[in-house]
């Protein structure tokens, strides 16, 4: 059972890293971020990536807790 949880955690971690890298790539090309004073809402794929990051982070924490609980 511990092996299954470990494999699930590795898969979620790889997908989470990929989603985070996609978000960084779409945010601009400046090194230290942009100092913009305008508010911009997330739309389309950017919102999907943002929400999936939150969901995957929650699933990752839940699986990690279950891994500790059942090991």
N, C-alpha and C. Protein backbone atom coordinates (compact mmCIF):
# COMPACT_ATOMS: atom_id res chain seq x y z
N UNK A 1 0.82 -1.19 0.00
CA UNK A 1 0.00 0.00 0.00
C UNK A 1 0.87 1.26 0.00
N UNK A 2 1.96 1.20 0.71
CA UNK A 2 2.87 2.34 0.78
C UNK A 2 3.49 2.64 -0.60
N UNK A 3 3.74 1.60 -1.37
CA UNK A 3 4.30 1.78 -2.71
C UNK A 3 3.30 2.48 -3.63
N UNK A 4 2.04 2.14 -3.49
CA UNK A 4 1.01 2.78 -4.31
C UNK A 4 0.93 4.27 -3.99
N UNK A 5 0.93 4.61 -2.71
CA UNK A 5 0.90 6.02 -2.32
C UNK A 5 2.14 6.76 -2.82
N UNK A 6 3.28 6.11 -2.75
CA UNK A 6 4.52 6.75 -3.21
C UNK A 6 4.47 7.01 -4.72
N UNK A 7 3.95 6.06 -5.48
CA UNK A 7 3.83 6.25 -6.93
C UNK A 7 2.84 7.37 -7.26
N UNK A 8 1.73 7.41 -6.53
CA UNK A 8 0.75 8.48 -6.74
C UNK A 8 1.36 9.83 -6.41
N UNK A 9 2.11 9.91 -5.33
CA UNK A 9 2.76 11.16 -4.94
C UNK A 9 3.77 11.61 -5.99
N UNK A 10 4.54 10.68 -6.54
CA UNK A 10 5.51 11.04 -7.58
C UNK A 10 4.81 11.54 -8.84
N UNK A 11 3.73 10.88 -9.23
CA UNK A 11 2.99 11.31 -10.42
C UNK A 11 2.40 12.70 -10.22
N UNK A 12 1.76 12.93 -9.08
CA UNK A 12 1.18 14.24 -8.80
C UNK A 12 2.26 15.31 -8.75
N UNK A 13 3.41 15.00 -8.16
CA UNK A 13 4.50 15.97 -8.08
C UNK A 13 5.01 16.35 -9.47
N UNK A 14 5.14 15.38 -10.35
CA UNK A 14 5.62 15.67 -11.71
C UNK A 14 4.61 16.53 -12.47
N UNK A 15 3.32 16.20 -12.35
CA UNK A 15 2.29 16.99 -13.02
C UNK A 15 2.23 18.39 -12.44
N UNK A 16 2.36 18.52 -11.13
CA UNK A 16 2.34 19.83 -10.47
C UNK A 16 3.51 20.69 -10.91
N UNK A 17 4.68 20.11 -11.02
CA UNK A 17 5.85 20.84 -11.50
C UNK A 17 5.64 21.31 -12.93
N UNK A 18 5.08 20.45 -13.77
CA UNK A 18 4.80 20.83 -15.15
C UNK A 18 3.82 21.99 -15.25
N UNK A 19 2.77 21.95 -14.45
CA UNK A 19 1.78 23.04 -14.46
C UNK A 19 2.41 24.33 -13.97
N UNK A 20 3.23 24.25 -12.93
CA UNK A 20 3.90 25.46 -12.43
C UNK A 20 4.85 26.04 -13.47
N UNK A 21 5.54 25.19 -14.18
CA UNK A 21 6.44 25.69 -15.23
C UNK A 21 5.67 26.34 -16.37
N UNK A 22 4.51 25.81 -16.70
CA UNK A 22 3.67 26.43 -17.72
C UNK A 22 3.19 27.81 -17.28
N UNK A 23 2.89 27.95 -16.00
CA UNK A 23 2.45 29.25 -15.49
C UNK A 23 3.58 30.27 -15.53
N UNK A 24 4.78 29.87 -15.19
CA UNK A 24 5.92 30.77 -15.19
C UNK A 24 6.25 31.21 -16.61
N UNK A 25 6.15 30.30 -17.55
CA UNK A 25 6.46 30.63 -18.93
C UNK A 25 5.48 31.67 -19.47
N UNK A 26 4.24 31.62 -19.07
CA UNK A 26 3.24 32.55 -19.58
C UNK A 26 3.20 33.88 -18.88
N UNK A 27 4.00 34.08 -17.84
CA UNK A 27 3.89 35.30 -17.05
C UNK A 27 4.77 36.43 -17.55
N UNK A 28 5.57 36.23 -18.54
CA UNK A 28 6.44 37.30 -19.03
C UNK A 28 7.88 36.84 -19.06
N UNK A 29 8.74 37.68 -19.59
CA UNK A 29 10.13 37.27 -19.74
C UNK A 29 11.08 38.06 -18.86
N UNK A 30 10.56 38.84 -17.94
CA UNK A 30 11.46 39.61 -17.08
C UNK A 30 12.03 38.72 -15.99
N UNK A 31 13.20 39.03 -15.53
CA UNK A 31 13.90 38.18 -14.57
C UNK A 31 13.30 38.27 -13.18
N UNK A 32 13.01 39.46 -12.72
CA UNK A 32 12.52 39.63 -11.35
C UNK A 32 11.05 40.00 -11.29
N UNK A 33 10.30 39.79 -12.33
CA UNK A 33 8.88 40.11 -12.34
C UNK A 33 8.65 41.51 -12.87
N UNK A 34 7.40 41.77 -13.13
CA UNK A 34 7.04 43.07 -13.67
C UNK A 34 6.37 43.91 -12.60
N UNK A 35 6.63 45.20 -12.62
CA UNK A 35 6.01 46.12 -11.68
C UNK A 35 4.88 46.84 -12.39
N UNK A 36 3.78 46.14 -12.57
CA UNK A 36 2.64 46.76 -13.23
C UNK A 36 1.63 47.17 -12.18
N UNK A 37 0.96 48.26 -12.44
CA UNK A 37 -0.02 48.75 -11.48
C UNK A 37 -1.45 48.45 -11.93
N UNK A 38 -1.61 47.76 -13.03
CA UNK A 38 -2.95 47.43 -13.50
C UNK A 38 -3.36 46.06 -13.01
N UNK A 39 -4.64 45.91 -12.78
CA UNK A 39 -5.19 44.63 -12.33
C UNK A 39 -5.60 43.83 -13.56
N UNK A 40 -5.20 42.58 -13.61
CA UNK A 40 -5.52 41.74 -14.75
C UNK A 40 -6.14 40.45 -14.23
N UNK A 41 -7.31 40.12 -14.72
CA UNK A 41 -7.96 38.89 -14.28
C UNK A 41 -7.51 37.71 -15.12
N UNK A 42 -7.57 36.54 -14.52
CA UNK A 42 -7.18 35.32 -15.24
C UNK A 42 -8.33 34.86 -16.11
N UNK A 43 -8.01 34.47 -17.33
CA UNK A 43 -9.03 34.00 -18.26
C UNK A 43 -8.51 32.78 -19.02
N UNK A 44 -9.43 31.94 -19.41
CA UNK A 44 -9.10 30.82 -20.27
C UNK A 44 -8.15 29.82 -19.64
N UNK A 45 -7.11 29.51 -20.38
CA UNK A 45 -6.17 28.47 -19.95
C UNK A 45 -5.40 28.90 -18.70
N UNK A 46 -5.19 30.20 -18.54
CA UNK A 46 -4.48 30.68 -17.35
C UNK A 46 -5.28 30.39 -16.08
N UNK A 47 -6.59 30.57 -16.15
CA UNK A 47 -7.44 30.27 -15.00
C UNK A 47 -7.48 28.77 -14.74
N UNK A 48 -7.53 27.98 -15.81
CA UNK A 48 -7.53 26.53 -15.66
C UNK A 48 -6.24 26.05 -15.00
N UNK A 49 -5.10 26.58 -15.42
CA UNK A 49 -3.83 26.21 -14.81
C UNK A 49 -3.78 26.61 -13.34
N UNK A 50 -4.28 27.81 -13.03
CA UNK A 50 -4.28 28.31 -11.66
C UNK A 50 -5.12 27.42 -10.76
N UNK A 51 -6.32 27.11 -11.21
CA UNK A 51 -7.21 26.27 -10.39
C UNK A 51 -6.72 24.84 -10.28
N UNK A 52 -6.15 24.31 -11.35
CA UNK A 52 -5.65 22.94 -11.29
C UNK A 52 -4.42 22.86 -10.37
N UNK A 53 -3.65 23.93 -10.29
CA UNK A 53 -2.53 23.95 -9.34
C UNK A 53 -3.04 23.85 -7.91
N UNK A 54 -4.08 24.60 -7.60
CA UNK A 54 -4.64 24.56 -6.24
C UNK A 54 -5.21 23.17 -5.93
N UNK A 55 -5.94 22.60 -6.88
CA UNK A 55 -6.54 21.28 -6.66
C UNK A 55 -5.45 20.22 -6.50
N UNK A 56 -4.46 20.24 -7.38
CA UNK A 56 -3.39 19.24 -7.30
C UNK A 56 -2.57 19.38 -6.01
N UNK A 57 -2.36 20.60 -5.56
CA UNK A 57 -1.64 20.79 -4.29
C UNK A 57 -2.44 20.20 -3.13
N UNK A 58 -3.76 20.39 -3.15
CA UNK A 58 -4.60 19.81 -2.11
C UNK A 58 -4.61 18.29 -2.16
N UNK A 59 -4.68 17.73 -3.36
CA UNK A 59 -4.64 16.27 -3.52
C UNK A 59 -3.29 15.73 -3.06
N UNK A 60 -2.22 16.44 -3.38
CA UNK A 60 -0.89 16.02 -2.97
C UNK A 60 -0.79 15.95 -1.45
N UNK A 61 -1.27 16.99 -0.78
CA UNK A 61 -1.23 17.00 0.70
C UNK A 61 -2.09 15.88 1.26
N UNK A 62 -3.27 15.67 0.70
CA UNK A 62 -4.15 14.61 1.20
C UNK A 62 -3.53 13.23 1.03
N UNK A 63 -2.92 12.97 -0.12
CA UNK A 63 -2.28 11.67 -0.35
C UNK A 63 -1.07 11.51 0.56
N UNK A 64 -0.35 12.59 0.81
CA UNK A 64 0.81 12.51 1.72
C UNK A 64 0.35 12.18 3.14
N UNK A 65 -0.76 12.78 3.57
CA UNK A 65 -1.29 12.46 4.91
C UNK A 65 -1.75 11.02 4.97
N UNK A 66 -2.44 10.56 3.92
CA UNK A 66 -2.88 9.16 3.88
C UNK A 66 -1.69 8.20 3.88
N UNK A 67 -0.63 8.59 3.20
CA UNK A 67 0.59 7.77 3.16
C UNK A 67 1.16 7.60 4.56
N UNK A 68 1.21 8.67 5.31
CA UNK A 68 1.75 8.61 6.68
C UNK A 68 0.79 7.84 7.58
N UNK A 69 -0.50 8.03 7.37
CA UNK A 69 -1.50 7.38 8.21
C UNK A 69 -1.50 5.86 8.04
N UNK A 70 -1.35 5.39 6.81
CA UNK A 70 -1.45 3.95 6.55
C UNK A 70 -0.10 3.25 6.49
N UNK A 71 0.97 3.94 6.74
CA UNK A 71 2.28 3.25 6.72
C UNK A 71 2.75 2.91 8.10
